[in-house]
Amino acid sequence: MKLLKADKDRFQFQLDQKEKQLLFQVLGLYPLIPGSHQKLSKSETRPDDQRLLEEALAAERQRHKRQVDVMLRSKTLFIEREGGCEFALKPSQIEWLLQVLNDVRVGAWLILGSPDGPAKTMAALNNKNAHYFWAMEAAAHFQMALVRAMTGGAEEAVQE
């Protein structure tokens, strides 16, 4: 993913066709973090408090999922160009996309058993879960490109 232009209101990116396909596959996995994973507190909490948290998170995930679906079906967001496509996002859209990608990345890590380090990650892989490793890595790739764009790493992102 390459940053083409950036200003305070809009960031324009370019993806080749394989990157676009990968981004769509990663976004199609959303949400991956189970609703019960988020705990209100490490100490004991009242069941009603935890239930309210889970309901609020479920509502947020539903909103995000609708936005993901709109993004993936959009005929105007991704403009086809020779060898790939271009798309532009507002800062608020990038922040939302970072949240969605983080859910996929962390959710995939949880599915892999929350391995600590490359050796344990590789040991956790099998035929049934290997695609989650790739989803985790791809989500991190897209997150890094978006963070670089947002934090002024435009020069680095454009040169990649």
N, C-alpha and C. Protein backbone atom coordinates (compact mmCIF):
# COMPACT_ATOMS: atom_id res chain seq x y z
N MET A 1 0.86 -1.16 0.00
CA MET A 1 0.00 0.00 0.00
C MET A 1 0.91 1.22 0.00
N LYS A 2 0.62 2.11 -0.89
CA LYS A 2 1.47 3.27 -1.08
C LYS A 2 0.65 4.55 -0.89
N LEU A 3 1.17 5.45 -0.10
CA LEU A 3 0.55 6.76 0.08
C LEU A 3 0.93 7.63 -1.11
N LEU A 4 -0.08 8.15 -1.80
CA LEU A 4 0.17 9.01 -2.95
C LEU A 4 0.18 10.48 -2.57
N LYS A 5 -0.82 10.88 -1.79
CA LYS A 5 -0.96 12.28 -1.38
C LYS A 5 -1.59 12.32 0.00
N ALA A 6 -1.23 13.37 0.73
CA ALA A 6 -1.82 13.53 2.06
C ALA A 6 -1.95 15.01 2.37
N ASP A 7 -3.08 15.33 2.96
CA ASP A 7 -3.25 16.64 3.57
C ASP A 7 -4.07 16.42 4.83
N LYS A 8 -4.45 17.50 5.51
CA LYS A 8 -5.12 17.31 6.80
C LYS A 8 -6.51 16.68 6.68
N ASP A 9 -7.11 16.74 5.50
CA ASP A 9 -8.48 16.25 5.33
C ASP A 9 -8.60 14.95 4.54
N ARG A 10 -7.51 14.52 3.89
CA ARG A 10 -7.65 13.38 2.99
C ARG A 10 -6.29 12.72 2.73
N PHE A 11 -6.32 11.41 2.69
CA PHE A 11 -5.13 10.62 2.38
C PHE A 11 -5.47 9.74 1.19
N GLN A 12 -4.66 9.82 0.16
CA GLN A 12 -4.91 9.04 -1.06
C GLN A 12 -3.87 7.94 -1.16
N PHE A 13 -4.35 6.70 -1.31
CA PHE A 13 -3.49 5.53 -1.34
C PHE A 13 -3.63 4.80 -2.67
N GLN A 14 -2.61 3.98 -2.94
CA GLN A 14 -2.63 3.12 -4.11
C GLN A 14 -2.37 1.68 -3.66
N LEU A 15 -3.12 0.77 -4.22
CA LEU A 15 -2.94 -0.66 -3.97
C LEU A 15 -2.79 -1.35 -5.31
N ASP A 16 -1.91 -2.36 -5.39
CA ASP A 16 -1.95 -3.17 -6.60
C ASP A 16 -3.11 -4.17 -6.43
N GLN A 17 -3.42 -4.90 -7.46
CA GLN A 17 -4.61 -5.78 -7.43
C GLN A 17 -4.50 -6.84 -6.34
N LYS A 18 -3.31 -7.40 -6.13
CA LYS A 18 -3.15 -8.44 -5.11
C LYS A 18 -3.33 -7.84 -3.71
N GLU A 19 -2.81 -6.64 -3.50
CA GLU A 19 -2.98 -5.99 -2.19
C GLU A 19 -4.45 -5.68 -1.94
N LYS A 20 -5.15 -5.22 -2.97
CA LYS A 20 -6.59 -4.94 -2.82
C LYS A 20 -7.32 -6.22 -2.44
N GLN A 21 -7.02 -7.29 -3.13
CA GLN A 21 -7.65 -8.58 -2.82
C GLN A 21 -7.35 -9.01 -1.39
N LEU A 22 -6.10 -8.84 -0.97
CA LEU A 22 -5.71 -9.20 0.39
C LEU A 22 -6.42 -8.33 1.42
N LEU A 23 -6.48 -7.02 1.17
CA LEU A 23 -7.20 -6.12 2.08
C LEU A 23 -8.65 -6.55 2.21
N PHE A 24 -9.30 -6.87 1.09
CA PHE A 24 -10.70 -7.29 1.13
C PHE A 24 -10.85 -8.59 1.91
N GLN A 25 -9.91 -9.53 1.73
CA GLN A 25 -9.99 -10.79 2.47
C GLN A 25 -9.84 -10.56 3.97
N VAL A 26 -8.90 -9.70 4.34
CA VAL A 26 -8.68 -9.40 5.76
C VAL A 26 -9.92 -8.74 6.34
N LEU A 27 -10.45 -7.73 5.65
CA LEU A 27 -11.63 -7.04 6.16
C LEU A 27 -12.85 -7.97 6.23
N GLY A 28 -12.90 -8.94 5.33
CA GLY A 28 -14.00 -9.89 5.33
C GLY A 28 -14.02 -10.79 6.56
N LEU A 29 -12.90 -10.88 7.27
CA LEU A 29 -12.82 -11.69 8.49
C LEU A 29 -13.39 -10.97 9.71
N TYR A 30 -13.56 -9.66 9.61
CA TYR A 30 -14.03 -8.88 10.76
C TYR A 30 -15.44 -9.29 11.16
N PRO A 31 -15.75 -9.40 12.43
CA PRO A 31 -14.91 -9.32 13.63
C PRO A 31 -14.35 -10.68 14.01
N LEU A 32 -13.18 -10.69 14.59
CA LEU A 32 -12.56 -11.93 15.04
C LEU A 32 -12.42 -12.04 16.56
N ILE A 33 -12.34 -10.91 17.25
CA ILE A 33 -12.22 -10.98 18.71
C ILE A 33 -13.58 -11.38 19.29
N PRO A 34 -13.63 -12.46 20.05
CA PRO A 34 -14.90 -12.87 20.65
C PRO A 34 -15.41 -11.80 21.62
N GLY A 35 -16.71 -11.61 21.65
CA GLY A 35 -17.31 -10.62 22.54
C GLY A 35 -16.98 -10.83 24.00
N SER A 36 -16.81 -12.07 24.37
CA SER A 36 -16.53 -12.38 25.78
C SER A 36 -15.07 -12.16 26.15
N HIS A 37 -14.23 -11.83 25.18
CA HIS A 37 -12.79 -11.64 25.46
C HIS A 37 -12.53 -10.39 26.30
N GLN A 38 -13.27 -9.34 26.05
CA GLN A 38 -13.06 -8.07 26.76
C GLN A 38 -13.68 -8.17 28.15
N LYS A 39 -12.86 -7.96 29.15
CA LYS A 39 -13.34 -8.00 30.53
C LYS A 39 -13.38 -6.59 31.10
N LEU A 40 -14.41 -6.30 31.85
CA LEU A 40 -14.57 -4.99 32.46
C LEU A 40 -13.45 -4.74 33.47
N SER A 41 -13.06 -5.79 34.18
CA SER A 41 -12.04 -5.66 35.21
C SER A 41 -11.38 -7.01 35.41
N LYS A 42 -10.13 -7.00 35.85
CA LYS A 42 -9.46 -8.26 36.17
C LYS A 42 -9.99 -8.83 37.48
N SER A 43 -10.49 -7.95 38.34
CA SER A 43 -11.09 -8.43 39.59
C SER A 43 -12.55 -8.77 39.32
N GLU A 44 -13.21 -9.22 40.32
CA GLU A 44 -14.62 -9.60 40.17
C GLU A 44 -15.46 -8.39 39.81
N THR A 45 -16.38 -8.61 38.87
CA THR A 45 -17.34 -7.57 38.52
C THR A 45 -18.73 -8.19 38.60
N ARG A 46 -19.68 -7.33 38.71
CA ARG A 46 -21.06 -7.83 38.73
C ARG A 46 -21.41 -8.33 37.33
N PRO A 47 -22.11 -9.44 37.24
CA PRO A 47 -22.49 -10.00 35.94
C PRO A 47 -23.23 -9.00 35.06
N ASP A 48 -24.07 -8.16 35.66
CA ASP A 48 -24.80 -7.17 34.87
C ASP A 48 -23.86 -6.16 34.22
N ASP A 49 -22.81 -5.77 34.94
CA ASP A 49 -21.85 -4.83 34.38
C ASP A 49 -21.13 -5.45 33.18
N GLN A 50 -20.71 -6.69 33.31
CA GLN A 50 -20.02 -7.37 32.21
C GLN A 50 -20.97 -7.55 31.03
N ARG A 51 -22.23 -7.88 31.31
CA ARG A 51 -23.22 -8.04 30.25
C ARG A 51 -23.42 -6.73 29.49
N LEU A 52 -23.49 -5.62 30.22
CA LEU A 52 -23.65 -4.32 29.58
C LEU A 52 -22.45 -4.00 28.68
N LEU A 53 -21.25 -4.31 29.15
CA LEU A 53 -20.06 -4.10 28.34
C LEU A 53 -20.13 -4.93 27.07
N GLU A 54 -20.48 -6.20 27.20
CA GLU A 54 -20.55 -7.08 26.03
C GLU A 54 -21.62 -6.61 25.04
N GLU A 55 -22.75 -6.12 25.55
CA GLU A 55 -23.80 -5.61 24.66
C GLU A 55 -23.33 -4.36 23.92
N ALA A 56 -22.64 -3.47 24.62
CA ALA A 56 -22.12 -2.25 23.99
C ALA A 56 -21.09 -2.60 22.92
N LEU A 57 -20.21 -3.54 23.23
CA LEU A 57 -19.20 -3.95 22.26
C LEU A 57 -19.84 -4.65 21.05
N ALA A 58 -20.87 -5.44 21.29
CA ALA A 58 -21.57 -6.11 20.19
C ALA A 58 -22.22 -5.08 19.26
N ALA A 59 -22.82 -4.05 19.84
CA ALA A 59 -23.43 -3.00 19.03
C ALA A 59 -22.37 -2.27 18.20
N GLU A 60 -21.23 -2.01 18.82
CA GLU A 60 -20.14 -1.35 18.08
C GLU A 60 -19.63 -2.24 16.96
N ARG A 61 -19.47 -3.53 17.23
CA ARG A 61 -19.02 -4.45 16.18
C ARG A 61 -20.02 -4.52 15.04
N GLN A 62 -21.30 -4.47 15.35
CA GLN A 62 -22.32 -4.49 14.29
C GLN A 62 -22.21 -3.24 13.42
N ARG A 63 -22.00 -2.08 14.05
CA ARG A 63 -21.81 -0.84 13.28
C ARG A 63 -20.58 -0.93 12.39
N HIS A 64 -19.49 -1.40 12.98
CA HIS A 64 -18.26 -1.54 12.20
C HIS A 64 -18.44 -2.54 11.06
N LYS A 65 -19.13 -3.63 11.32
CA LYS A 65 -19.35 -4.65 10.29
C LYS A 65 -20.17 -4.08 9.14
N ARG A 66 -21.18 -3.28 9.45
CA ARG A 66 -21.96 -2.63 8.39
C ARG A 66 -21.07 -1.71 7.56
N GLN A 67 -20.20 -0.95 8.24
CA GLN A 67 -19.28 -0.05 7.53
C GLN A 67 -18.31 -0.85 6.65
N VAL A 68 -17.81 -1.97 7.16
CA VAL A 68 -16.92 -2.83 6.37
C VAL A 68 -17.66 -3.31 5.13
N ASP A 69 -18.90 -3.78 5.30
CA ASP A 69 -19.68 -4.27 4.17
C ASP A 69 -19.89 -3.18 3.13
N VAL A 70 -20.18 -1.96 3.58
CA VAL A 70 -20.36 -0.84 2.65
C VAL A 70 -19.06 -0.58 1.90
N MET A 71 -17.95 -0.59 2.63
CA MET A 71 -16.65 -0.35 2.01
C MET A 71 -16.34 -1.40 0.95
N LEU A 72 -16.58 -2.65 1.27
CA LEU A 72 -16.26 -3.73 0.34
C LEU A 72 -17.16 -3.75 -0.89
N ARG A 73 -18.37 -3.23 -0.75
CA ARG A 73 -19.31 -3.19 -1.89
C ARG A 73 -19.25 -1.88 -2.68
N SER A 74 -18.53 -0.91 -2.17
CA SER A 74 -18.51 0.41 -2.79
C SER A 74 -17.98 0.34 -4.22
N LYS A 75 -18.71 0.97 -5.12
CA LYS A 75 -18.28 1.06 -6.52
C LYS A 75 -17.50 2.34 -6.77
N THR A 76 -17.49 3.24 -5.78
CA THR A 76 -16.83 4.53 -5.99
C THR A 76 -15.60 4.76 -5.12
N LEU A 77 -15.43 4.00 -4.06
CA LEU A 77 -14.29 4.22 -3.17
C LEU A 77 -12.98 3.79 -3.82
N PHE A 78 -12.96 2.61 -4.38
CA PHE A 78 -11.75 2.08 -5.01
C PHE A 78 -11.83 2.34 -6.51
N ILE A 79 -10.97 3.24 -6.98
CA ILE A 79 -10.97 3.63 -8.39
C ILE A 79 -9.91 2.82 -9.11
N GLU A 80 -10.36 2.02 -10.06
CA GLU A 80 -9.43 1.16 -10.79
C GLU A 80 -8.51 1.99 -11.67
N ARG A 81 -7.24 1.66 -11.60
CA ARG A 81 -6.20 2.27 -12.42
C ARG A 81 -5.38 1.13 -13.03
N GLU A 82 -4.53 1.48 -13.96
CA GLU A 82 -3.67 0.46 -14.55
C GLU A 82 -2.81 -0.18 -13.47
N GLY A 83 -2.92 -1.48 -13.34
CA GLY A 83 -2.11 -2.21 -12.38
C GLY A 83 -2.61 -2.17 -10.95
N GLY A 84 -3.75 -1.56 -10.69
CA GLY A 84 -4.23 -1.52 -9.32
C GLY A 84 -5.40 -0.59 -9.14
N CYS A 85 -5.46 0.03 -7.98
CA CYS A 85 -6.55 0.95 -7.69
C CYS A 85 -6.06 2.03 -6.74
N GLU A 86 -6.82 3.10 -6.69
CA GLU A 86 -6.56 4.19 -5.76
C GLU A 86 -7.80 4.39 -4.91
N PHE A 87 -7.58 4.84 -3.68
CA PHE A 87 -8.70 5.18 -2.81
C PHE A 87 -8.26 6.26 -1.85
N ALA A 88 -9.21 7.03 -1.37
CA ALA A 88 -8.92 8.13 -0.46
C ALA A 88 -9.76 7.96 0.81
N LEU A 89 -9.15 8.31 1.94
CA LEU A 89 -9.83 8.22 3.23
C LEU A 89 -9.61 9.50 4.01
N LYS A 90 -10.61 9.87 4.78
CA LYS A 90 -10.49 10.97 5.73
C LYS A 90 -9.80 10.43 6.98
N PRO A 91 -9.23 11.30 7.79
CA PRO A 91 -8.58 10.82 9.03
C PRO A 91 -9.51 9.98 9.91
N SER A 92 -10.77 10.37 10.02
CA SER A 92 -11.71 9.58 10.85
C SER A 92 -11.93 8.19 10.26
N GLN A 93 -11.91 8.07 8.94
CA GLN A 93 -12.06 6.77 8.30
C GLN A 93 -10.82 5.90 8.53
N ILE A 94 -9.66 6.53 8.53
CA ILE A 94 -8.43 5.78 8.81
C ILE A 94 -8.45 5.26 10.24
N GLU A 95 -8.87 6.08 11.18
CA GLU A 95 -8.94 5.64 12.58
C GLU A 95 -9.90 4.46 12.72
N TRP A 96 -11.04 4.53 12.04
CA TRP A 96 -11.99 3.42 12.07
C TRP A 96 -11.37 2.18 11.46
N LEU A 97 -10.70 2.34 10.31
CA LEU A 97 -10.09 1.20 9.63
C LEU A 97 -8.99 0.58 10.49
N LEU A 98 -8.24 1.41 11.21
CA LEU A 98 -7.23 0.89 12.13
C LEU A 98 -7.86 0.03 13.22
N GLN A 99 -9.02 0.43 13.73
CA GLN A 99 -9.72 -0.36 14.75
C GLN A 99 -10.15 -1.72 14.19
N VAL A 100 -10.69 -1.69 12.99
CA VAL A 100 -11.15 -2.93 12.35
C VAL A 100 -9.97 -3.86 12.10
N LEU A 101 -8.89 -3.32 11.53
CA LEU A 101 -7.70 -4.13 11.27
C LEU A 101 -7.11 -4.67 12.57
N ASN A 102 -7.14 -3.88 13.62
CA ASN A 102 -6.62 -4.34 14.91
C ASN A 102 -7.46 -5.50 15.45
N ASP A 103 -8.75 -5.43 15.27
CA ASP A 103 -9.61 -6.54 15.70
C ASP A 103 -9.22 -7.81 14.97
N VAL A 104 -9.01 -7.72 13.67
CA VAL A 104 -8.63 -8.91 12.90
C VAL A 104 -7.26 -9.41 13.35
N ARG A 105 -6.31 -8.50 13.53
CA ARG A 105 -4.96 -8.90 13.93
C ARG A 105 -4.96 -9.56 15.30
N VAL A 106 -5.59 -8.93 16.28
CA VAL A 106 -5.62 -9.49 17.63
C VAL A 106 -6.49 -10.75 17.67
N GLY A 107 -7.61 -10.73 16.98
CA GLY A 107 -8.47 -11.91 16.94
C GLY A 107 -7.76 -13.12 16.35
N ALA A 108 -6.99 -12.89 15.27
CA ALA A 108 -6.23 -13.99 14.67
C ALA A 108 -5.17 -14.51 15.66
N TRP A 109 -4.53 -13.60 16.36
CA TRP A 109 -3.53 -13.99 17.36
C TRP A 109 -4.19 -14.83 18.46
N LEU A 110 -5.38 -14.43 18.89
CA LEU A 110 -6.10 -15.21 19.90
C LEU A 110 -6.44 -16.61 19.38
N ILE A 111 -6.90 -16.68 18.14
CA ILE A 111 -7.24 -17.98 17.54
C ILE A 111 -6.01 -18.88 17.48
N LEU A 112 -4.85 -18.27 17.25
CA LEU A 112 -3.61 -19.04 17.21
C LEU A 112 -3.12 -19.46 18.60
N GLY A 113 -3.84 -19.04 19.63
CA GLY A 113 -3.49 -19.42 21.00
C GLY A 113 -2.64 -18.38 21.71
N SER A 114 -2.63 -17.17 21.22
CA SER A 114 -1.86 -16.05 21.82
C SER A 114 -0.39 -16.40 21.96
N PRO A 115 0.23 -16.88 20.88
CA PRO A 115 1.63 -17.29 21.00
C PRO A 115 2.54 -16.09 21.29
N ASP A 116 3.57 -16.37 22.07
CA ASP A 116 4.52 -15.34 22.47
C ASP A 116 5.83 -15.55 21.72
N GLY A 117 6.01 -14.81 20.62
CA GLY A 117 7.25 -14.90 19.86
C GLY A 117 7.12 -15.74 18.61
N PRO A 118 8.05 -15.55 17.68
CA PRO A 118 8.00 -16.26 16.39
C PRO A 118 8.04 -17.78 16.52
N ALA A 119 8.86 -18.32 17.39
CA ALA A 119 8.97 -19.78 17.51
C ALA A 119 7.65 -20.39 17.95
N LYS A 120 7.02 -19.78 18.96
CA LYS A 120 5.74 -20.30 19.44
C LYS A 120 4.64 -20.09 18.40
N THR A 121 4.72 -18.99 17.65
CA THR A 121 3.74 -18.75 16.59
C THR A 121 3.84 -19.84 15.54
N MET A 122 5.05 -20.13 15.10
CA MET A 122 5.24 -21.16 14.08
C MET A 122 4.82 -22.54 14.59
N ALA A 123 5.07 -22.80 15.86
CA ALA A 123 4.69 -24.09 16.44
C ALA A 123 3.18 -24.24 16.53
N ALA A 124 2.47 -23.12 16.63
CA ALA A 124 1.01 -23.17 16.77
C ALA A 124 0.30 -23.39 15.44
N LEU A 125 1.01 -23.21 14.33
CA LEU A 125 0.36 -23.30 13.02
C LEU A 125 0.05 -24.73 12.62
N ASN A 126 -1.11 -24.87 11.97
CA ASN A 126 -1.50 -26.14 11.38
C ASN A 126 -2.38 -25.84 10.16
N ASN A 127 -2.85 -26.87 9.49
CA ASN A 127 -3.65 -26.67 8.28
C ASN A 127 -4.94 -25.91 8.52
N LYS A 128 -5.48 -26.02 9.73
CA LYS A 128 -6.76 -25.37 10.02
C LYS A 128 -6.63 -23.90 10.39
N ASN A 129 -5.47 -23.49 10.91
CA ASN A 129 -5.37 -22.11 11.39
C ASN A 129 -4.32 -21.26 10.69
N ALA A 130 -3.59 -21.82 9.74
CA ALA A 130 -2.50 -21.08 9.09
C ALA A 130 -2.99 -19.80 8.43
N HIS A 131 -4.21 -19.80 7.90
CA HIS A 131 -4.71 -18.58 7.25
C HIS A 131 -4.88 -17.44 8.25
N TYR A 132 -5.03 -17.76 9.52
CA TYR A 132 -5.12 -16.69 10.52
C TYR A 132 -3.76 -16.03 10.74
N PHE A 133 -2.70 -16.80 10.60
CA PHE A 133 -1.37 -16.20 10.68
C PHE A 133 -1.21 -15.17 9.57
N TRP A 134 -1.60 -15.52 8.36
CA TRP A 134 -1.47 -14.58 7.24
C TRP A 134 -2.40 -13.38 7.42
N ALA A 135 -3.58 -13.61 7.95
CA ALA A 135 -4.49 -12.48 8.23
C ALA A 135 -3.88 -11.54 9.26
N MET A 136 -3.25 -12.11 10.30
CA MET A 136 -2.62 -11.31 11.34
C MET A 136 -1.50 -10.46 10.74
N GLU A 137 -0.67 -11.07 9.92
CA GLU A 137 0.46 -10.35 9.31
C GLU A 137 -0.03 -9.31 8.29
N ALA A 138 -1.02 -9.65 7.50
CA ALA A 138 -1.54 -8.70 6.51
C ALA A 138 -2.20 -7.51 7.20
N ALA A 139 -2.96 -7.76 8.25
CA ALA A 139 -3.59 -6.67 8.99
C ALA A 139 -2.51 -5.73 9.54
N ALA A 140 -1.43 -6.29 10.07
CA ALA A 140 -0.33 -5.47 10.59
C ALA A 140 0.31 -4.65 9.48
N HIS A 141 0.46 -5.22 8.30
CA HIS A 141 1.02 -4.51 7.14
C HIS A 141 0.17 -3.28 6.81
N PHE A 142 -1.13 -3.48 6.72
CA PHE A 142 -2.02 -2.36 6.39
C PHE A 142 -2.07 -1.33 7.52
N GLN A 143 -2.06 -1.80 8.76
CA GLN A 143 -2.03 -0.88 9.89
C GLN A 143 -0.79 0.01 9.84
N MET A 144 0.35 -0.60 9.58
CA MET A 144 1.60 0.17 9.55
C MET A 144 1.55 1.24 8.46
N ALA A 145 1.05 0.91 7.30
CA ALA A 145 0.96 1.90 6.22
C ALA A 145 0.03 3.05 6.61
N LEU A 146 -1.08 2.73 7.26
CA LEU A 146 -2.02 3.78 7.68
C LEU A 146 -1.43 4.64 8.79
N VAL A 147 -0.76 4.01 9.75
CA VAL A 147 -0.15 4.78 10.84
C VAL A 147 0.94 5.69 10.30
N ARG A 148 1.77 5.18 9.41
CA ARG A 148 2.81 6.02 8.81
C ARG A 148 2.21 7.23 8.12
N ALA A 149 1.14 7.01 7.40
CA ALA A 149 0.49 8.12 6.70
C ALA A 149 -0.04 9.15 7.69
N MET A 150 -0.66 8.67 8.76
CA MET A 150 -1.26 9.58 9.75
C MET A 150 -0.23 10.31 10.60
N THR A 151 0.94 9.73 10.78
CA THR A 151 1.93 10.33 11.67
C THR A 151 3.02 11.07 10.92
N GLY A 152 2.77 11.35 9.67
CA GLY A 152 3.74 12.13 8.91
C GLY A 152 4.83 11.32 8.29
N GLY A 153 4.68 10.02 8.28
CA GLY A 153 5.66 9.15 7.63
C GLY A 153 5.38 9.05 6.14
N ALA A 154 4.76 10.10 5.59
CA ALA A 154 4.37 10.07 4.19
C ALA A 154 5.56 9.83 3.27
N GLU A 155 6.70 10.44 3.59
CA GLU A 155 7.87 10.27 2.74
C GLU A 155 8.28 8.81 2.68
N GLU A 156 8.27 8.14 3.86
CA GLU A 156 8.62 6.72 3.90
C GLU A 156 7.58 5.89 3.14
N ALA A 157 6.31 6.18 3.37
CA ALA A 157 5.24 5.39 2.74
C ALA A 157 5.26 5.56 1.22
N VAL A 158 5.54 6.77 0.74
CA VAL A 158 5.56 7.00 -0.70
C VAL A 158 6.74 6.29 -1.34
N GLN A 159 7.86 6.19 -0.64
CA GLN A 159 9.04 5.59 -1.22
C GLN A 159 9.00 4.06 -1.23
N GLU A 160 8.13 3.45 -0.45
CA GLU A 160 8.08 1.98 -0.39
C GLU A 160 7.60 1.39 -1.68
